[in-house]
Each structure stands twice: as C-alpha cells, then as structure tokens.
PDB file of all heavy atoms in Angstrom:
ATOM      1  N   VAL A   1       1.440 -21.123  -1.426  1.00  0.00           N
ATOM      2  CA  VAL A   1       2.505 -20.411  -0.736  1.00  0.00           C
ATOM      3  C   VAL A   1       2.258 -18.909  -0.747  1.00  0.00           C
ATOM      4  O   VAL A   1       2.211 -18.270   0.302  1.00  0.00           O
ATOM      5  CB  VAL A   1       3.883 -20.713  -1.355  1.00  0.00           C
ATOM      6  CG1 VAL A   1       4.973 -19.871  -0.684  1.00  0.00           C
ATOM      7  CG2 VAL A   1       4.209 -22.199  -1.233  1.00  0.00           C
ATOM      8  N   ALA A   2       2.118 -18.335  -1.937  1.00  0.00           N
ATOM      9  CA  ALA A   2       1.952 -16.893  -2.057  1.00  0.00           C
ATOM     10  C   ALA A   2       1.359 -16.552  -3.411  1.00  0.00           C
ATOM     11  O   ALA A   2       1.506 -17.295  -4.373  1.00  0.00           O
ATOM     12  CB  ALA A   2       3.293 -16.174  -1.874  1.00  0.00           C
ATOM     13  N   ALA A   3       0.709 -15.406  -3.476  1.00  0.00           N
ATOM     14  CA  ALA A   3       0.148 -14.919  -4.730  1.00  0.00           C
ATOM     15  C   ALA A   3       0.223 -13.406  -4.769  1.00  0.00           C
ATOM     16  O   ALA A   3       0.299 -12.747  -3.728  1.00  0.00           O
ATOM     17  CB  ALA A   3      -1.303 -15.377  -4.896  1.00  0.00           C
ATOM     18  N   ILE A   4       0.188 -12.864  -5.971  1.00  0.00           N
ATOM     19  CA  ILE A   4       0.259 -11.426  -6.154  1.00  0.00           C
ATOM     20  C   ILE A   4      -0.632 -11.016  -7.314  1.00  0.00           C
ATOM     21  O   ILE A   4      -0.715 -11.708  -8.325  1.00  0.00           O
ATOM     22  CB  ILE A   4       1.718 -10.971  -6.380  1.00  0.00           C
ATOM     23  CG1 ILE A   4       1.823  -9.441  -6.398  1.00  0.00           C
ATOM     24  CG2 ILE A   4       2.284 -11.568  -7.668  1.00  0.00           C
ATOM     25  CD1 ILE A   4       3.262  -8.931  -6.343  1.00  0.00           C
ATOM     26  N   SER A   5      -1.318  -9.897  -7.151  1.00  0.00           N
ATOM     27  CA  SER A   5      -2.155  -9.387  -8.223  1.00  0.00           C
ATOM     28  C   SER A   5      -1.296  -8.886  -9.370  1.00  0.00           C
ATOM     29  O   SER A   5      -0.092  -8.650  -9.218  1.00  0.00           O
ATOM     30  CB  SER A   5      -3.055  -8.266  -7.702  1.00  0.00           C
ATOM     31  OG  SER A   5      -2.281  -7.162  -7.261  1.00  0.00           O
ATOM     32  N   TRP A   6      -1.914  -8.698 -10.531  1.00  0.00           N
ATOM     33  CA  TRP A   6      -1.157  -8.244 -11.693  1.00  0.00           C
ATOM     34  C   TRP A   6      -0.465  -6.921 -11.414  1.00  0.00           C
ATOM     35  O   TRP A   6       0.693  -6.723 -11.809  1.00  0.00           O
ATOM     36  CB  TRP A   6      -2.081  -8.117 -12.904  1.00  0.00           C
ATOM     37  CG  TRP A   6      -1.365  -7.613 -14.113  1.00  0.00           C
ATOM     38  CD1 TRP A   6      -0.680  -8.347 -15.037  1.00  0.00           C
ATOM     39  CD2 TRP A   6      -1.242  -6.249 -14.531  1.00  0.00           C
ATOM     40  NE1 TRP A   6      -0.147  -7.531 -16.002  1.00  0.00           N
ATOM     41  CE2 TRP A   6      -0.471  -6.234 -15.724  1.00  0.00           C
ATOM     42  CE3 TRP A   6      -1.711  -5.031 -14.013  1.00  0.00           C
ATOM     43  CZ2 TRP A   6      -0.168  -5.050 -16.392  1.00  0.00           C
ATOM     44  CZ3 TRP A   6      -1.395  -3.859 -14.686  1.00  0.00           C
ATOM     45  CH2 TRP A   6      -0.641  -3.882 -15.856  1.00  0.00           C
ATOM     46  N   SER A   7      -1.146  -6.011 -10.763  1.00  0.00           N
ATOM     47  CA  SER A   7      -0.577  -4.696 -10.484  1.00  0.00           C
ATOM     48  C   SER A   7       0.468  -4.722  -9.380  1.00  0.00           C
ATOM     49  O   SER A   7       1.226  -3.765  -9.222  1.00  0.00           O
ATOM     50  CB  SER A   7      -1.684  -3.721 -10.108  1.00  0.00           C
ATOM     51  OG  SER A   7      -2.273  -4.075  -8.869  1.00  0.00           O
ATOM     52  N   GLY A   8       0.484  -5.775  -8.616  1.00  0.00           N
ATOM     53  CA  GLY A   8       1.385  -5.864  -7.486  1.00  0.00           C
ATOM     54  C   GLY A   8       0.851  -5.212  -6.231  1.00  0.00           C
ATOM     55  O   GLY A   8       1.539  -5.193  -5.204  1.00  0.00           O
ATOM     56  N   GLY A   9      -0.367  -4.703  -6.288  1.00  0.00           N
ATOM     57  CA  GLY A   9      -0.933  -3.992  -5.163  1.00  0.00           C
ATOM     58  C   GLY A   9      -1.456  -4.877  -4.050  1.00  0.00           C
ATOM     59  O   GLY A   9      -1.647  -4.401  -2.931  1.00  0.00           O
ATOM     60  N   SER A  10      -1.693  -6.137  -4.347  1.00  0.00           N
ATOM     61  CA  SER A  10      -2.225  -7.063  -3.352  1.00  0.00           C
ATOM     62  C   SER A  10      -1.385  -8.321  -3.327  1.00  0.00           C
ATOM     63  O   SER A  10      -1.073  -8.886  -4.376  1.00  0.00           O
ATOM     64  CB  SER A  10      -3.678  -7.416  -3.669  1.00  0.00           C
ATOM     65  OG  SER A  10      -4.499  -6.258  -3.653  1.00  0.00           O
ATOM     66  N   THR A  11      -1.043  -8.756  -2.138  1.00  0.00           N
ATOM     67  CA  THR A  11      -0.295  -9.992  -1.961  1.00  0.00           C
ATOM     68  C   THR A  11      -0.969 -10.862  -0.925  1.00  0.00           C
ATOM     69  O   THR A  11      -1.655 -10.369  -0.035  1.00  0.00           O
ATOM     70  CB  THR A  11       1.159  -9.722  -1.542  1.00  0.00           C
ATOM     71  OG1 THR A  11       1.166  -8.950  -0.329  1.00  0.00           O
ATOM     72  CG2 THR A  11       1.899  -8.952  -2.626  1.00  0.00           C
ATOM     73  N   TYR A  12      -0.743 -12.159  -1.034  1.00  0.00           N
ATOM     74  CA  TYR A  12      -1.354 -13.128  -0.141  1.00  0.00           C
ATOM     75  C   TYR A  12      -0.321 -14.190   0.205  1.00  0.00           C
ATOM     76  O   TYR A  12       0.454 -14.620  -0.646  1.00  0.00           O
ATOM     77  CB  TYR A  12      -2.577 -13.773  -0.795  1.00  0.00           C
ATOM     78  CG  TYR A  12      -3.530 -12.771  -1.402  1.00  0.00           C
ATOM     79  CD1 TYR A  12      -3.365 -12.345  -2.716  1.00  0.00           C
ATOM     80  CD2 TYR A  12      -4.582 -12.249  -0.659  1.00  0.00           C
ATOM     81  CE1 TYR A  12      -4.228 -11.411  -3.275  1.00  0.00           C
ATOM     82  CE2 TYR A  12      -5.449 -11.319  -1.210  1.00  0.00           C
ATOM     83  CZ  TYR A  12      -5.268 -10.903  -2.515  1.00  0.00           C
ATOM     84  OH  TYR A  12      -6.125  -9.982  -3.060  1.00  0.00           O
ATOM     85  N   TYR A  13      -0.333 -14.629   1.463  1.00  0.00           N
ATOM     86  CA  TYR A  13       0.643 -15.593   1.920  1.00  0.00           C
ATOM     87  C   TYR A  13       0.005 -16.667   2.776  1.00  0.00           C
ATOM     88  O   TYR A  13      -0.943 -16.412   3.521  1.00  0.00           O
ATOM     89  CB  TYR A  13       1.730 -14.915   2.751  1.00  0.00           C
ATOM     90  CG  TYR A  13       2.527 -13.885   2.003  1.00  0.00           C
ATOM     91  CD1 TYR A  13       2.175 -12.541   2.042  1.00  0.00           C
ATOM     92  CD2 TYR A  13       3.643 -14.256   1.258  1.00  0.00           C
ATOM     93  CE1 TYR A  13       2.915 -11.588   1.359  1.00  0.00           C
ATOM     94  CE2 TYR A  13       4.388 -13.303   0.570  1.00  0.00           C
ATOM     95  CZ  TYR A  13       4.016 -11.981   0.622  1.00  0.00           C
ATOM     96  OH  TYR A  13       4.751 -11.039  -0.061  1.00  0.00           O
ATOM     97  N   ALA A  14       0.547 -17.858   2.669  1.00  0.00           N
ATOM     98  CA  ALA A  14       0.179 -18.900   3.607  1.00  0.00           C
ATOM     99  C   ALA A  14       0.721 -18.542   4.982  1.00  0.00           C
ATOM    100  O   ALA A  14       1.770 -17.905   5.102  1.00  0.00           O
ATOM    101  CB  ALA A  14       0.742 -20.244   3.155  1.00  0.00           C
ATOM    102  N   ASP A  15       0.014 -18.951   6.018  1.00  0.00           N
ATOM    103  CA  ASP A  15       0.445 -18.628   7.372  1.00  0.00           C
ATOM    104  C   ASP A  15       1.851 -19.139   7.668  1.00  0.00           C
ATOM    105  O   ASP A  15       2.603 -18.507   8.411  1.00  0.00           O
ATOM    106  CB  ASP A  15      -0.536 -19.209   8.393  1.00  0.00           C
ATOM    107  CG  ASP A  15      -1.865 -18.485   8.404  1.00  0.00           C
ATOM    108  OD1 ASP A  15      -1.935 -17.346   7.913  1.00  0.00           O
ATOM    109  OD2 ASP A  15      -2.840 -19.061   8.916  1.00  0.00           O
ATOM    110  N   SER A  16       2.209 -20.245   7.077  1.00  0.00           N
ATOM    111  CA  SER A  16       3.497 -20.860   7.359  1.00  0.00           C
ATOM    112  C   SER A  16       4.685 -20.056   6.848  1.00  0.00           C
ATOM    113  O   SER A  16       5.815 -20.279   7.290  1.00  0.00           O
ATOM    114  CB  SER A  16       3.542 -22.273   6.775  1.00  0.00           C
ATOM    115  OG  SER A  16       3.355 -22.243   5.374  1.00  0.00           O
ATOM    116  N   VAL A  17       4.445 -19.131   5.918  1.00  0.00           N
ATOM    117  CA  VAL A  17       5.553 -18.369   5.339  1.00  0.00           C
ATOM    118  C   VAL A  17       5.455 -16.879   5.595  1.00  0.00           C
ATOM    119  O   VAL A  17       6.369 -16.130   5.215  1.00  0.00           O
ATOM    120  CB  VAL A  17       5.677 -18.617   3.822  1.00  0.00           C
ATOM    121  CG1 VAL A  17       5.795 -20.107   3.534  1.00  0.00           C
ATOM    122  CG2 VAL A  17       4.495 -18.020   3.069  1.00  0.00           C
ATOM    123  N   LYS A  18       4.406 -16.422   6.235  1.00  0.00           N
ATOM    124  CA  LYS A  18       4.253 -14.996   6.517  1.00  0.00           C
ATOM    125  C   LYS A  18       5.426 -14.488   7.348  1.00  0.00           C
ATOM    126  O   LYS A  18       5.838 -15.114   8.313  1.00  0.00           O
ATOM    127  CB  LYS A  18       2.944 -14.732   7.256  1.00  0.00           C
ATOM    128  CG  LYS A  18       1.713 -14.793   6.381  1.00  0.00           C
ATOM    129  CD  LYS A  18       0.457 -14.462   7.173  1.00  0.00           C
ATOM    130  CE  LYS A  18      -0.773 -14.480   6.300  1.00  0.00           C
ATOM    131  NZ  LYS A  18      -2.007 -14.196   7.068  1.00  0.00           N
ATOM    132  N   GLY A  19       5.942 -13.350   6.944  1.00  0.00           N
ATOM    133  CA  GLY A  19       7.070 -12.759   7.640  1.00  0.00           C
ATOM    134  C   GLY A  19       8.413 -13.261   7.179  1.00  0.00           C
ATOM    135  O   GLY A  19       9.444 -12.690   7.547  1.00  0.00           O
ATOM    136  N   ARG A  20       8.422 -14.325   6.381  1.00  0.00           N
ATOM    137  CA  ARG A  20       9.674 -14.890   5.888  1.00  0.00           C
ATOM    138  C   ARG A  20       9.802 -14.793   4.368  1.00  0.00           C
ATOM    139  O   ARG A  20      10.899 -14.604   3.858  1.00  0.00           O
ATOM    140  CB  ARG A  20       9.807 -16.352   6.307  1.00  0.00           C
ATOM    141  CG  ARG A  20       9.817 -16.564   7.818  1.00  0.00           C
ATOM    142  CD  ARG A  20      10.173 -18.001   8.175  1.00  0.00           C
ATOM    143  NE  ARG A  20       9.193 -18.952   7.646  1.00  0.00           N
ATOM    144  CZ  ARG A  20       9.488 -19.934   6.792  1.00  0.00           C
ATOM    145  NH1 ARG A  20      10.735 -20.087   6.359  1.00  0.00           N
ATOM    146  NH2 ARG A  20       8.542 -20.765   6.376  1.00  0.00           N
ATOM    147  N   PHE A  21       8.694 -14.947   3.670  1.00  0.00           N
ATOM    148  CA  PHE A  21       8.697 -14.921   2.207  1.00  0.00           C
ATOM    149  C   PHE A  21       8.072 -13.628   1.708  1.00  0.00           C
ATOM    150  O   PHE A  21       7.144 -13.092   2.320  1.00  0.00           O
ATOM    151  CB  PHE A  21       7.899 -16.090   1.638  1.00  0.00           C
ATOM    152  CG  PHE A  21       8.523 -17.442   1.839  1.00  0.00           C
ATOM    153  CD1 PHE A  21       9.606 -17.627   2.679  1.00  0.00           C
ATOM    154  CD2 PHE A  21       7.996 -18.543   1.178  1.00  0.00           C
ATOM    155  CE1 PHE A  21      10.164 -18.882   2.866  1.00  0.00           C
ATOM    156  CE2 PHE A  21       8.549 -19.802   1.353  1.00  0.00           C
ATOM    157  CZ  PHE A  21       9.629 -19.973   2.192  1.00  0.00           C
ATOM    158  N   THR A  22       8.553 -13.155   0.571  1.00  0.00           N
ATOM    159  CA  THR A  22       7.997 -11.975  -0.069  1.00  0.00           C
ATOM    160  C   THR A  22       7.827 -12.234  -1.558  1.00  0.00           C
ATOM    161  O   THR A  22       8.778 -12.636  -2.228  1.00  0.00           O
ATOM    162  CB  THR A  22       8.893 -10.745   0.129  1.00  0.00           C
ATOM    163  OG1 THR A  22       9.075 -10.493   1.525  1.00  0.00           O
ATOM    164  CG2 THR A  22       8.256  -9.515  -0.516  1.00  0.00           C
ATOM    165  N   ILE A  23       6.623 -12.008  -2.058  1.00  0.00           N
ATOM    166  CA  ILE A  23       6.360 -12.175  -3.476  1.00  0.00           C
ATOM    167  C   ILE A  23       6.313 -10.805  -4.140  1.00  0.00           C
ATOM    168  O   ILE A  23       5.813  -9.836  -3.563  1.00  0.00           O
ATOM    169  CB  ILE A  23       5.051 -12.956  -3.715  1.00  0.00           C
ATOM    170  CG1 ILE A  23       4.887 -13.296  -5.202  1.00  0.00           C
ATOM    171  CG2 ILE A  23       3.841 -12.189  -3.189  1.00  0.00           C
ATOM    172  CD1 ILE A  23       3.739 -14.265  -5.479  1.00  0.00           C
ATOM    173  N   SER A  24       6.850 -10.716  -5.340  1.00  0.00           N
ATOM    174  CA  SER A  24       6.843  -9.478  -6.095  1.00  0.00           C
ATOM    175  C   SER A  24       6.815  -9.817  -7.577  1.00  0.00           C
ATOM    176  O   SER A  24       6.959 -10.975  -7.962  1.00  0.00           O
ATOM    177  CB  SER A  24       8.066  -8.616  -5.760  1.00  0.00           C
ATOM    178  OG  SER A  24       9.270  -9.286  -6.092  1.00  0.00           O
ATOM    179  N   ARG A  25       6.626  -8.799  -8.406  1.00  0.00           N
ATOM    180  CA  ARG A  25       6.604  -9.053  -9.840  1.00  0.00           C
ATOM    181  C   ARG A  25       7.102  -7.863 -10.636  1.00  0.00           C
ATOM    182  O   ARG A  25       7.048  -6.710 -10.183  1.00  0.00           O
ATOM    183  CB  ARG A  25       5.197  -9.456 -10.299  1.00  0.00           C
ATOM    184  CG  ARG A  25       4.165  -8.336 -10.242  1.00  0.00           C
ATOM    185  CD  ARG A  25       2.809  -8.843 -10.713  1.00  0.00           C
ATOM    186  NE  ARG A  25       2.852  -9.324 -12.090  1.00  0.00           N
ATOM    187  CZ  ARG A  25       1.908 -10.080 -12.655  1.00  0.00           C
ATOM    188  NH1 ARG A  25       0.855 -10.454 -11.952  1.00  0.00           N
ATOM    189  NH2 ARG A  25       2.040 -10.460 -13.919  1.00  0.00           N
ATOM    190  N   ASP A  26       7.595  -8.165 -11.817  1.00  0.00           N
ATOM    191  CA  ASP A  26       7.984  -7.172 -12.807  1.00  0.00           C
ATOM    192  C   ASP A  26       6.999  -7.337 -13.953  1.00  0.00           C
ATOM    193  O   ASP A  26       7.116  -8.269 -14.746  1.00  0.00           O
ATOM    194  CB  ASP A  26       9.420  -7.410 -13.263  1.00  0.00           C
ATOM    195  CG  ASP A  26       9.909  -6.347 -14.225  1.00  0.00           C
ATOM    196  OD1 ASP A  26       9.104  -5.775 -14.975  1.00  0.00           O
ATOM    197  OD2 ASP A  26      11.133  -6.086 -14.231  1.00  0.00           O
ATOM    198  N   VAL A  27       6.026  -6.449 -14.018  1.00  0.00           N
ATOM    199  CA  VAL A  27       4.955  -6.581 -14.993  1.00  0.00           C
ATOM    200  C   VAL A  27       5.487  -6.530 -16.425  1.00  0.00           C
ATOM    201  O   VAL A  27       5.075  -7.310 -17.283  1.00  0.00           O
ATOM    202  CB  VAL A  27       3.889  -5.487 -14.779  1.00  0.00           C
ATOM    203  CG1 VAL A  27       2.815  -5.574 -15.863  1.00  0.00           C
ATOM    204  CG2 VAL A  27       3.267  -5.623 -13.405  1.00  0.00           C
ATOM    205  N   GLY A  28       6.378  -5.599 -16.689  1.00  0.00           N
ATOM    206  CA  GLY A  28       6.908  -5.443 -18.036  1.00  0.00           C
ATOM    207  C   GLY A  28       7.642  -6.667 -18.543  1.00  0.00           C
ATOM    208  O   GLY A  28       7.682  -6.913 -19.755  1.00  0.00           O
ATOM    209  N   ARG A  29       8.217  -7.431 -17.652  1.00  0.00           N
ATOM    210  CA  ARG A  29       8.954  -8.630 -18.030  1.00  0.00           C
ATOM    211  C   ARG A  29       8.155  -9.905 -17.797  1.00  0.00           C
ATOM    212  O   ARG A  29       8.674 -10.994 -18.022  1.00  0.00           O
ATOM    213  CB  ARG A  29      10.264  -8.699 -17.247  1.00  0.00           C
ATOM    214  CG  ARG A  29      11.223  -7.561 -17.555  1.00  0.00           C
ATOM    215  CD  ARG A  29      12.320  -7.468 -16.523  1.00  0.00           C
ATOM    216  NE  ARG A  29      13.054  -8.710 -16.398  1.00  0.00           N
ATOM    217  CZ  ARG A  29      13.889  -8.991 -15.400  1.00  0.00           C
ATOM    218  NH1 ARG A  29      14.091  -8.097 -14.445  1.00  0.00           N
ATOM    219  NH2 ARG A  29      14.514 -10.159 -15.369  1.00  0.00           N
ATOM    220  N   ASN A  30       6.905  -9.772 -17.351  1.00  0.00           N
ATOM    221  CA  ASN A  30       6.067 -10.935 -17.048  1.00  0.00           C
ATOM    222  C   ASN A  30       6.791 -11.925 -16.142  1.00  0.00           C
ATOM    223  O   ASN A  30       6.805 -13.138 -16.389  1.00  0.00           O
ATOM    224  CB  ASN A  30       5.617 -11.635 -18.337  1.00  0.00           C
ATOM    225  CG  ASN A  30       4.553 -10.859 -19.079  1.00  0.00           C
ATOM    226  OD1 ASN A  30       3.773 -10.115 -18.479  1.00  0.00           O
ATOM    227  ND2 ASN A  30       4.505 -11.036 -20.393  1.00  0.00           N
TER     228      ASN A  30
END
C-alpha cells in the first residue's frame, strides 16, 4: 500500500491509492 523512509523524506504508494492515502511518521514515538 505505502511505505516511508525513516527520516520521512521519501514516500512510496501503490497506484491504487495515490492521491487518496498519505503515509507519515513520528520518529520520536516510533
């Protein structure tokens, strides 16, 4: 579905969810 680098600088999405889903992360809280 989606992936994100540890830093949050790079994200990747499946074509089926692009434009609808957003992945993010809080590094300090894992």
